[in-house]
Amino acid sequence: MTEEEKLYLSEIKRQNPYGIITMLMGLISFLFGPIFVVIPICTIFFGVITLRTFNKITEDNPWTFYIGLALAFYGLILYFTSGPHNVII
């Protein structure tokens, strides 16, 4: 690769890996949160702590954090209200 191509690739914004992990953990919290309360609690804790690692200059958007945290809160609410949901996989 030429230097110009390397420079262009380094300027492209990317996703924060902690945001992607938070979003995946939020999905797991939504699926299994009504049964196991520890999963949404760990996801919320992890998401809030790693939200500070977001860099506006080099990374695209913080929505992966927000979606993961919202799904974790929803799983936690389902646990406390004993509201089941049917997930067909």
N, C-alpha and C. Protein backbone atom coordinates (compact mmCIF):
# COMPACT_ATOMS: atom_id res chain seq x y z
N MET A 1 0.84 -1.18 0.00
CA MET A 1 0.00 0.00 0.00
C MET A 1 0.88 1.24 0.00
N THR A 2 0.39 2.26 -0.67
CA THR A 2 1.15 3.50 -0.71
C THR A 2 0.90 4.30 0.57
N GLU A 3 1.69 5.32 0.76
CA GLU A 3 1.53 6.16 1.94
C GLU A 3 0.20 6.91 1.92
N GLU A 4 -0.26 7.30 0.73
CA GLU A 4 -1.53 8.00 0.62
C GLU A 4 -2.68 7.11 1.04
N GLU A 5 -2.64 5.84 0.65
CA GLU A 5 -3.68 4.90 1.03
C GLU A 5 -3.67 4.64 2.53
N LYS A 6 -2.49 4.52 3.11
CA LYS A 6 -2.38 4.32 4.55
C LYS A 6 -2.92 5.53 5.31
N LEU A 7 -2.63 6.74 4.82
CA LEU A 7 -3.12 7.95 5.44
C LEU A 7 -4.64 8.02 5.35
N TYR A 8 -5.18 7.66 4.19
CA TYR A 8 -6.63 7.68 4.01
C TYR A 8 -7.31 6.68 4.95
N LEU A 9 -6.76 5.49 5.08
CA LEU A 9 -7.34 4.49 5.96
C LEU A 9 -7.25 4.89 7.43
N SER A 10 -6.22 5.60 7.81
CA SER A 10 -6.09 6.03 9.20
C SER A 10 -7.05 7.17 9.54
N GLU A 11 -7.54 7.88 8.54
CA GLU A 11 -8.47 8.99 8.78
C GLU A 11 -9.92 8.53 8.88
N ILE A 12 -10.23 7.32 8.45
CA ILE A 12 -11.61 6.82 8.50
C ILE A 12 -11.99 6.55 9.96
N LYS A 13 -13.16 7.07 10.35
CA LYS A 13 -13.61 6.86 11.72
C LYS A 13 -14.05 5.41 11.89
N ARG A 14 -13.86 4.90 13.08
CA ARG A 14 -14.22 3.51 13.37
C ARG A 14 -15.03 3.44 14.66
N GLN A 15 -15.49 2.26 14.99
CA GLN A 15 -16.29 2.06 16.20
C GLN A 15 -15.39 1.76 17.39
N ASN A 16 -15.85 2.15 18.55
CA ASN A 16 -15.15 1.84 19.79
C ASN A 16 -15.40 0.36 20.11
N PRO A 17 -14.35 -0.42 20.33
CA PRO A 17 -14.57 -1.85 20.61
C PRO A 17 -15.34 -2.09 21.91
N TYR A 18 -15.19 -1.21 22.89
CA TYR A 18 -15.96 -1.36 24.13
C TYR A 18 -17.44 -1.10 23.89
N GLY A 19 -17.75 -0.22 22.95
CA GLY A 19 -19.15 0.02 22.61
C GLY A 19 -19.79 -1.20 21.97
N ILE A 20 -19.05 -1.87 21.12
CA ILE A 20 -19.57 -3.07 20.48
C ILE A 20 -19.76 -4.17 21.51
N ILE A 21 -18.81 -4.30 22.45
CA ILE A 21 -18.95 -5.29 23.52
C ILE A 21 -20.16 -4.96 24.39
N THR A 22 -20.36 -3.69 24.70
CA THR A 22 -21.51 -3.28 25.51
C THR A 22 -22.81 -3.59 24.79
N MET A 23 -22.85 -3.37 23.48
CA MET A 23 -24.06 -3.66 22.73
C MET A 23 -24.35 -5.17 22.71
N LEU A 24 -23.33 -5.98 22.53
CA LEU A 24 -23.53 -7.43 22.55
C LEU A 24 -23.93 -7.93 23.94
N MET A 25 -23.32 -7.36 24.97
CA MET A 25 -23.72 -7.72 26.33
C MET A 25 -25.15 -7.26 26.62
N GLY A 26 -25.55 -6.12 26.05
CA GLY A 26 -26.92 -5.66 26.21
C GLY A 26 -27.92 -6.59 25.56
N LEU A 27 -27.55 -7.14 24.41
CA LEU A 27 -28.41 -8.12 23.75
C LEU A 27 -28.56 -9.37 24.61
N ILE A 28 -27.46 -9.83 25.18
CA ILE A 28 -27.52 -10.99 26.07
C ILE A 28 -28.33 -10.66 27.32
N SER A 29 -28.22 -9.43 27.80
CA SER A 29 -29.00 -9.00 28.96
C SER A 29 -30.49 -8.97 28.64
N PHE A 30 -30.83 -8.56 27.45
CA PHE A 30 -32.23 -8.55 27.04
C PHE A 30 -32.77 -9.96 26.93
N LEU A 31 -31.97 -10.87 26.36
CA LEU A 31 -32.44 -12.23 26.16
C LEU A 31 -32.53 -13.01 27.47
N PHE A 32 -31.53 -12.90 28.32
CA PHE A 32 -31.46 -13.71 29.52
C PHE A 32 -31.62 -12.91 30.81
N GLY A 33 -31.85 -11.61 30.73
CA GLY A 33 -32.00 -10.77 31.92
C GLY A 33 -33.19 -11.09 32.77
N PRO A 34 -34.34 -11.47 32.19
CA PRO A 34 -35.48 -11.82 33.05
C PRO A 34 -35.23 -13.07 33.90
N ILE A 35 -34.24 -13.86 33.56
CA ILE A 35 -33.94 -15.07 34.33
C ILE A 35 -32.75 -14.84 35.28
N PHE A 36 -31.67 -14.25 34.76
CA PHE A 36 -30.45 -14.03 35.54
C PHE A 36 -30.22 -12.52 35.69
N VAL A 37 -30.38 -12.00 36.89
CA VAL A 37 -30.28 -10.56 37.11
C VAL A 37 -28.84 -10.06 37.06
N VAL A 38 -27.88 -10.94 37.27
CA VAL A 38 -26.49 -10.50 37.31
C VAL A 38 -26.00 -10.04 35.94
N ILE A 39 -26.56 -10.57 34.87
CA ILE A 39 -26.10 -10.19 33.52
C ILE A 39 -26.41 -8.73 33.21
N PRO A 40 -27.66 -8.24 33.40
CA PRO A 40 -27.89 -6.81 33.15
C PRO A 40 -27.11 -5.88 34.08
N ILE A 41 -26.93 -6.30 35.32
CA ILE A 41 -26.19 -5.45 36.26
C ILE A 41 -24.74 -5.31 35.82
N CYS A 42 -24.12 -6.42 35.41
CA CYS A 42 -22.73 -6.36 34.93
C CYS A 42 -22.63 -5.55 33.64
N THR A 43 -23.62 -5.66 32.78
CA THR A 43 -23.61 -4.91 31.53
C THR A 43 -23.72 -3.41 31.79
N ILE A 44 -24.60 -3.03 32.69
CA ILE A 44 -24.76 -1.60 33.01
C ILE A 44 -23.47 -1.07 33.64
N PHE A 45 -22.90 -1.82 34.55
CA PHE A 45 -21.65 -1.41 35.18
C PHE A 45 -20.53 -1.26 34.14
N PHE A 46 -20.37 -2.26 33.28
CA PHE A 46 -19.35 -2.22 32.24
C PHE A 46 -19.59 -1.07 31.27
N GLY A 47 -20.83 -0.86 30.85
CA GLY A 47 -21.15 0.19 29.89
C GLY A 47 -20.91 1.59 30.42
N VAL A 48 -21.26 1.82 31.67
CA VAL A 48 -21.07 3.15 32.26
C VAL A 48 -19.58 3.45 32.43
N ILE A 49 -18.82 2.45 32.85
CA ILE A 49 -17.38 2.68 33.04
C ILE A 49 -16.67 2.90 31.70
N THR A 50 -17.00 2.11 30.69
CA THR A 50 -16.30 2.21 29.41
C THR A 50 -16.84 3.31 28.50
N LEU A 51 -17.95 3.92 28.85
CA LEU A 51 -18.46 5.04 28.06
C LEU A 51 -17.47 6.20 28.03
N ARG A 52 -16.66 6.32 29.06
CA ARG A 52 -15.67 7.40 29.12
C ARG A 52 -14.51 7.19 28.15
N THR A 53 -14.40 5.99 27.56
CA THR A 53 -13.31 5.72 26.61
C THR A 53 -13.65 6.21 25.21
N PHE A 54 -14.85 6.73 25.00
CA PHE A 54 -15.26 7.17 23.67
C PHE A 54 -14.50 8.43 23.28
N ASN A 55 -13.92 8.44 22.07
CA ASN A 55 -13.16 9.56 21.55
C ASN A 55 -13.89 10.12 20.34
N LYS A 56 -14.38 11.35 20.42
CA LYS A 56 -15.17 11.94 19.33
C LYS A 56 -14.37 12.17 18.06
N ILE A 57 -13.09 12.32 18.17
CA ILE A 57 -12.26 12.64 17.01
C ILE A 57 -12.02 11.40 16.14
N THR A 58 -11.68 10.29 16.75
CA THR A 58 -11.30 9.11 15.97
C THR A 58 -12.41 8.07 15.84
N GLU A 59 -13.51 8.21 16.59
CA GLU A 59 -14.55 7.19 16.56
C GLU A 59 -15.87 7.78 16.07
N ASP A 60 -16.68 6.90 15.49
CA ASP A 60 -17.86 7.32 14.75
C ASP A 60 -18.98 7.87 15.64
N ASN A 61 -19.56 7.05 16.49
CA ASN A 61 -20.66 7.52 17.32
C ASN A 61 -20.78 6.68 18.59
N PRO A 62 -21.40 7.23 19.62
CA PRO A 62 -21.54 6.49 20.87
C PRO A 62 -22.81 5.65 20.95
N TRP A 63 -23.54 5.49 19.88
CA TRP A 63 -24.83 4.81 19.94
C TRP A 63 -24.72 3.34 20.31
N THR A 64 -23.59 2.71 20.06
CA THR A 64 -23.45 1.32 20.49
C THR A 64 -23.52 1.21 22.00
N PHE A 65 -22.97 2.20 22.70
CA PHE A 65 -23.08 2.23 24.16
C PHE A 65 -24.53 2.43 24.58
N TYR A 66 -25.20 3.39 23.96
CA TYR A 66 -26.57 3.71 24.35
C TYR A 66 -27.52 2.54 24.11
N ILE A 67 -27.38 1.87 22.98
CA ILE A 67 -28.25 0.74 22.67
C ILE A 67 -28.00 -0.40 23.65
N GLY A 68 -26.73 -0.69 23.93
CA GLY A 68 -26.41 -1.75 24.89
C GLY A 68 -26.93 -1.46 26.28
N LEU A 69 -26.78 -0.21 26.72
CA LEU A 69 -27.28 0.15 28.04
C LEU A 69 -28.80 0.11 28.09
N ALA A 70 -29.47 0.54 27.03
CA ALA A 70 -30.93 0.50 26.99
C ALA A 70 -31.44 -0.94 27.05
N LEU A 71 -30.82 -1.83 26.30
CA LEU A 71 -31.22 -3.23 26.34
C LEU A 71 -30.98 -3.84 27.72
N ALA A 72 -29.88 -3.46 28.37
CA ALA A 72 -29.59 -3.97 29.71
C ALA A 72 -30.62 -3.45 30.72
N PHE A 73 -30.98 -2.17 30.63
CA PHE A 73 -32.00 -1.63 31.52
C PHE A 73 -33.34 -2.32 31.29
N TYR A 74 -33.65 -2.61 30.03
CA TYR A 74 -34.91 -3.29 29.72
C TYR A 74 -34.90 -4.71 30.29
N GLY A 75 -33.78 -5.42 30.20
CA GLY A 75 -33.67 -6.74 30.81
C GLY A 75 -33.81 -6.68 32.32
N LEU A 76 -33.26 -5.64 32.93
CA LEU A 76 -33.38 -5.46 34.38
C LEU A 76 -34.82 -5.15 34.78
N ILE A 77 -35.48 -4.33 34.00
CA ILE A 77 -36.89 -4.02 34.27
C ILE A 77 -37.75 -5.26 34.13
N LEU A 78 -37.48 -6.07 33.12
CA LEU A 78 -38.22 -7.32 32.95
C LEU A 78 -38.01 -8.26 34.13
N TYR A 79 -36.81 -8.26 34.69
CA TYR A 79 -36.55 -9.11 35.85
C TYR A 79 -37.36 -8.64 37.05
N PHE A 80 -37.36 -7.34 37.33
CA PHE A 80 -38.05 -6.84 38.51
C PHE A 80 -39.57 -6.89 38.38
N THR A 81 -40.10 -6.78 37.18
CA THR A 81 -41.54 -6.85 36.99
C THR A 81 -42.02 -8.26 36.67
N SER A 82 -41.08 -9.21 36.63
CA SER A 82 -41.39 -10.61 36.28
C SER A 82 -42.09 -10.70 34.94
N GLY A 83 -41.71 -9.84 34.05
CA GLY A 83 -42.30 -9.83 32.71
C GLY A 83 -41.54 -10.71 31.76
N PRO A 84 -42.08 -11.85 31.42
CA PRO A 84 -41.35 -12.72 30.48
C PRO A 84 -41.53 -12.26 29.04
N HIS A 85 -40.65 -12.67 28.19
CA HIS A 85 -40.81 -12.45 26.76
C HIS A 85 -40.39 -13.73 26.05
N ASN A 86 -41.04 -13.98 24.96
CA ASN A 86 -40.76 -15.20 24.19
C ASN A 86 -39.81 -14.86 23.07
N VAL A 87 -38.62 -15.41 23.14
CA VAL A 87 -37.62 -15.20 22.11
C VAL A 87 -37.43 -16.53 21.40
N ILE A 88 -37.75 -16.55 20.12
CA ILE A 88 -37.60 -17.78 19.34
C ILE A 88 -36.32 -17.68 18.54
N ILE A 89 -35.41 -18.57 18.83
CA ILE A 89 -34.11 -18.55 18.13
C ILE A 89 -34.06 -19.73 17.18
